[in-house]
Amino acid sequence: MFSTRFGLRVHVTRHARERMAQRNINEALLGELLETGQVRYKDDIRLWIAKEAPGRQDNLICAAVILEEMLVVKTVMHHFQWES
């Protein structure tokens, strides 16, 4: 997978793939999330990307990612809420 938005190849960790399977989030939905979701940075390399997914009852879905030589998806969450 490649992220046009970030200009980087995407690596999805084993942990993130397990969470995606548990939460019924496929690679197409993850790709859409990474390309069009709202981004909030924790610092220069750590960030969250979240987006509502139409037809799902567990909005928001969110990916915790790290910007390195590639975009590393560490985990994928659902029932996510932004902190104030």
N, C-alpha and C. Protein backbone atom coordinates (compact mmCIF):
# COMPACT_ATOMS: atom_id res chain seq x y z
N MET A 1 0.86 -1.17 0.00
CA MET A 1 0.00 0.00 0.00
C MET A 1 0.90 1.23 0.00
N PHE A 2 0.44 2.27 -0.66
CA PHE A 2 1.17 3.53 -0.75
C PHE A 2 0.22 4.67 -0.41
N SER A 3 0.70 5.65 0.38
CA SER A 3 -0.10 6.82 0.71
C SER A 3 0.32 7.99 -0.16
N THR A 4 -0.59 8.39 -1.04
CA THR A 4 -0.34 9.57 -1.86
C THR A 4 -0.28 10.81 -0.99
N ARG A 5 -1.14 10.88 0.00
CA ARG A 5 -1.22 12.04 0.90
C ARG A 5 0.13 12.31 1.56
N PHE A 6 0.79 11.26 2.04
CA PHE A 6 2.05 11.42 2.76
C PHE A 6 3.26 11.14 1.87
N GLY A 7 3.03 10.62 0.66
CA GLY A 7 4.12 10.31 -0.24
C GLY A 7 5.02 9.20 0.28
N LEU A 8 4.43 8.26 1.01
CA LEU A 8 5.20 7.19 1.63
C LEU A 8 4.52 5.84 1.44
N ARG A 9 5.36 4.80 1.44
CA ARG A 9 4.84 3.44 1.48
C ARG A 9 4.25 3.21 2.87
N VAL A 10 3.21 2.40 2.96
CA VAL A 10 2.53 2.14 4.22
C VAL A 10 2.90 0.74 4.71
N HIS A 11 3.30 0.66 5.96
CA HIS A 11 3.53 -0.63 6.63
C HIS A 11 2.51 -0.78 7.74
N VAL A 12 1.74 -1.85 7.70
CA VAL A 12 0.74 -2.13 8.73
C VAL A 12 1.31 -3.22 9.64
N THR A 13 1.48 -2.91 10.92
CA THR A 13 2.07 -3.88 11.84
C THR A 13 1.14 -5.08 12.04
N ARG A 14 1.70 -6.15 12.56
CA ARG A 14 0.90 -7.33 12.87
C ARG A 14 -0.21 -6.97 13.84
N HIS A 15 0.10 -6.19 14.85
CA HIS A 15 -0.90 -5.76 15.84
C HIS A 15 -2.05 -5.01 15.16
N ALA A 16 -1.71 -4.09 14.27
CA ALA A 16 -2.75 -3.32 13.56
C ALA A 16 -3.61 -4.23 12.69
N ARG A 17 -3.00 -5.20 12.02
CA ARG A 17 -3.77 -6.14 11.19
C ARG A 17 -4.73 -6.97 12.04
N GLU A 18 -4.28 -7.39 13.22
CA GLU A 18 -5.15 -8.14 14.13
C GLU A 18 -6.33 -7.29 14.57
N ARG A 19 -6.08 -6.03 14.91
CA ARG A 19 -7.15 -5.13 15.33
C ARG A 19 -8.11 -4.84 14.17
N MET A 20 -7.57 -4.70 12.97
CA MET A 20 -8.43 -4.49 11.80
C MET A 20 -9.37 -5.67 11.62
N ALA A 21 -8.86 -6.88 11.74
CA ALA A 21 -9.70 -8.08 11.60
C ALA A 21 -10.77 -8.12 12.68
N GLN A 22 -10.40 -7.81 13.92
CA GLN A 22 -11.36 -7.82 15.03
C GLN A 22 -12.46 -6.78 14.83
N ARG A 23 -12.11 -5.67 14.19
CA ARG A 23 -13.03 -4.54 14.07
C ARG A 23 -13.66 -4.42 12.68
N ASN A 24 -13.44 -5.43 11.87
CA ASN A 24 -14.03 -5.48 10.52
C ASN A 24 -13.65 -4.25 9.69
N ILE A 25 -12.36 -3.92 9.71
CA ILE A 25 -11.83 -2.80 8.93
C ILE A 25 -10.91 -3.41 7.88
N ASN A 26 -11.30 -3.29 6.62
CA ASN A 26 -10.48 -3.89 5.56
C ASN A 26 -9.43 -2.90 5.07
N GLU A 27 -8.56 -3.37 4.18
CA GLU A 27 -7.47 -2.54 3.68
C GLU A 27 -7.98 -1.34 2.89
N ALA A 28 -9.08 -1.51 2.17
CA ALA A 28 -9.65 -0.39 1.41
C ALA A 28 -10.11 0.72 2.34
N LEU A 29 -10.76 0.35 3.45
CA LEU A 29 -11.21 1.36 4.42
C LEU A 29 -10.01 2.01 5.10
N LEU A 30 -9.00 1.23 5.42
CA LEU A 30 -7.79 1.80 6.01
C LEU A 30 -7.16 2.79 5.04
N GLY A 31 -7.07 2.44 3.77
CA GLY A 31 -6.50 3.35 2.77
C GLY A 31 -7.28 4.65 2.67
N GLU A 32 -8.61 4.54 2.68
CA GLU A 32 -9.45 5.75 2.65
C GLU A 32 -9.22 6.60 3.90
N LEU A 33 -9.13 5.95 5.05
CA LEU A 33 -8.86 6.65 6.31
C LEU A 33 -7.54 7.41 6.23
N LEU A 34 -6.49 6.75 5.78
CA LEU A 34 -5.18 7.39 5.72
C LEU A 34 -5.15 8.56 4.74
N GLU A 35 -5.89 8.45 3.64
CA GLU A 35 -5.86 9.49 2.61
C GLU A 35 -6.78 10.67 2.92
N THR A 36 -7.88 10.43 3.62
CA THR A 36 -8.88 11.50 3.76
C THR A 36 -9.29 11.82 5.20
N GLY A 37 -8.75 11.09 6.18
CA GLY A 37 -9.14 11.33 7.56
C GLY A 37 -8.54 12.60 8.14
N GLN A 38 -9.11 13.03 9.25
CA GLN A 38 -8.60 14.21 9.96
C GLN A 38 -7.33 13.82 10.70
N VAL A 39 -6.30 14.65 10.59
CA VAL A 39 -4.99 14.35 11.18
C VAL A 39 -4.74 15.24 12.39
N ARG A 40 -4.25 14.62 13.46
CA ARG A 40 -3.76 15.37 14.63
C ARG A 40 -2.41 14.80 15.03
N TYR A 41 -1.44 15.69 15.13
CA TYR A 41 -0.07 15.29 15.48
C TYR A 41 0.13 15.31 16.98
N LYS A 42 0.80 14.26 17.50
CA LYS A 42 1.24 14.26 18.89
C LYS A 42 2.59 14.97 18.99
N ASP A 43 3.45 14.70 18.01
CA ASP A 43 4.75 15.37 17.89
C ASP A 43 5.16 15.31 16.42
N ASP A 44 6.42 15.46 16.12
CA ASP A 44 6.87 15.52 14.73
C ASP A 44 6.64 14.24 13.94
N ILE A 45 6.61 13.09 14.63
CA ILE A 45 6.49 11.83 13.89
C ILE A 45 5.28 10.98 14.28
N ARG A 46 4.65 11.26 15.41
CA ARG A 46 3.50 10.45 15.86
C ARG A 46 2.21 11.23 15.65
N LEU A 47 1.21 10.53 15.08
CA LEU A 47 -0.06 11.19 14.80
C LEU A 47 -1.21 10.19 14.80
N TRP A 48 -2.40 10.75 14.84
CA TRP A 48 -3.62 9.98 14.72
C TRP A 48 -4.35 10.48 13.48
N ILE A 49 -5.00 9.55 12.80
CA ILE A 49 -5.84 9.90 11.65
C ILE A 49 -7.20 9.26 11.90
N ALA A 50 -8.26 10.07 11.93
CA ALA A 50 -9.59 9.56 12.25
C ALA A 50 -10.61 10.01 11.23
N LYS A 51 -11.65 9.20 11.09
CA LYS A 51 -12.69 9.49 10.11
C LYS A 51 -13.95 8.72 10.45
N GLU A 52 -15.10 9.33 10.17
CA GLU A 52 -16.36 8.60 10.27
C GLU A 52 -16.48 7.71 9.04
N ALA A 53 -16.99 6.51 9.26
CA ALA A 53 -17.19 5.57 8.16
C ALA A 53 -18.69 5.35 7.99
N PRO A 54 -19.26 5.82 6.90
CA PRO A 54 -20.71 5.66 6.68
C PRO A 54 -21.14 4.19 6.80
N GLY A 55 -22.28 4.00 7.45
CA GLY A 55 -22.82 2.66 7.60
C GLY A 55 -22.29 1.90 8.79
N ARG A 56 -21.34 2.46 9.50
CA ARG A 56 -20.79 1.79 10.69
C ARG A 56 -21.38 2.44 11.94
N GLN A 57 -21.59 1.64 12.94
CA GLN A 57 -22.14 2.13 14.21
C GLN A 57 -21.05 2.46 15.23
N ASP A 58 -19.79 2.29 14.85
CA ASP A 58 -18.67 2.45 15.79
C ASP A 58 -17.78 3.63 15.45
N ASN A 59 -18.36 4.69 14.91
CA ASN A 59 -17.56 5.85 14.52
C ASN A 59 -16.99 6.52 15.75
N LEU A 60 -15.93 7.17 15.65
CA LEU A 60 -14.94 7.31 14.60
C LEU A 60 -14.02 6.08 14.57
N ILE A 61 -13.44 5.84 13.38
CA ILE A 61 -12.35 4.88 13.33
C ILE A 61 -11.07 5.69 13.27
N CYS A 62 -9.98 5.13 13.80
CA CYS A 62 -8.75 5.90 13.93
C CYS A 62 -7.55 5.00 13.76
N ALA A 63 -6.52 5.50 13.11
CA ALA A 63 -5.24 4.82 13.00
C ALA A 63 -4.19 5.65 13.74
N ALA A 64 -3.44 4.97 14.60
CA ALA A 64 -2.28 5.59 15.24
C ALA A 64 -1.08 5.25 14.37
N VAL A 65 -0.39 6.27 13.87
CA VAL A 65 0.68 6.05 12.91
C VAL A 65 1.96 6.79 13.30
N ILE A 66 3.05 6.31 12.72
CA ILE A 66 4.36 6.94 12.90
C ILE A 66 4.92 7.26 11.52
N LEU A 67 5.42 8.46 11.36
CA LEU A 67 6.07 8.87 10.11
C LEU A 67 7.56 8.58 10.23
N GLU A 68 8.02 7.60 9.48
CA GLU A 68 9.43 7.27 9.43
C GLU A 68 9.83 7.26 7.96
N GLU A 69 10.67 6.31 7.55
CA GLU A 69 10.97 6.19 6.13
C GLU A 69 9.76 5.65 5.38
N MET A 70 8.77 5.20 6.15
CA MET A 70 7.47 4.81 5.62
C MET A 70 6.43 5.21 6.65
N LEU A 71 5.16 5.12 6.28
CA LEU A 71 4.07 5.41 7.20
C LEU A 71 3.73 4.10 7.91
N VAL A 72 4.00 4.02 9.21
CA VAL A 72 3.80 2.80 9.98
C VAL A 72 2.49 2.90 10.75
N VAL A 73 1.54 2.01 10.43
CA VAL A 73 0.27 1.96 11.14
C VAL A 73 0.48 1.05 12.34
N LYS A 74 0.44 1.63 13.55
CA LYS A 74 0.71 0.88 14.78
C LYS A 74 -0.53 0.14 15.28
N THR A 75 -1.69 0.80 15.22
CA THR A 75 -2.93 0.16 15.62
C THR A 75 -4.09 0.86 14.94
N VAL A 76 -5.23 0.20 14.96
CA VAL A 76 -6.45 0.77 14.39
C VAL A 76 -7.54 0.62 15.43
N MET A 77 -8.22 1.72 15.73
CA MET A 77 -9.22 1.76 16.79
C MET A 77 -10.60 2.07 16.21
N HIS A 78 -11.61 1.77 16.98
CA HIS A 78 -12.98 2.18 16.66
C HIS A 78 -13.59 2.75 17.94
N HIS A 79 -14.77 3.32 17.85
CA HIS A 79 -15.38 4.05 18.97
C HIS A 79 -14.42 5.11 19.50
N PHE A 80 -13.68 5.72 18.59
CA PHE A 80 -12.66 6.70 18.95
C PHE A 80 -13.28 8.06 19.20
N GLN A 81 -12.71 8.81 20.14
CA GLN A 81 -13.13 10.20 20.39
C GLN A 81 -11.87 11.04 20.55
N TRP A 82 -11.88 12.20 19.91
CA TRP A 82 -10.78 13.14 20.09
C TRP A 82 -10.81 13.69 21.51
N GLU A 83 -9.63 13.87 22.09
CA GLU A 83 -9.56 14.56 23.37
C GLU A 83 -9.72 16.05 23.14
N SER A 84 -10.31 16.73 24.08
CA SER A 84 -10.53 18.18 23.93
C SER A 84 -9.28 18.96 24.04
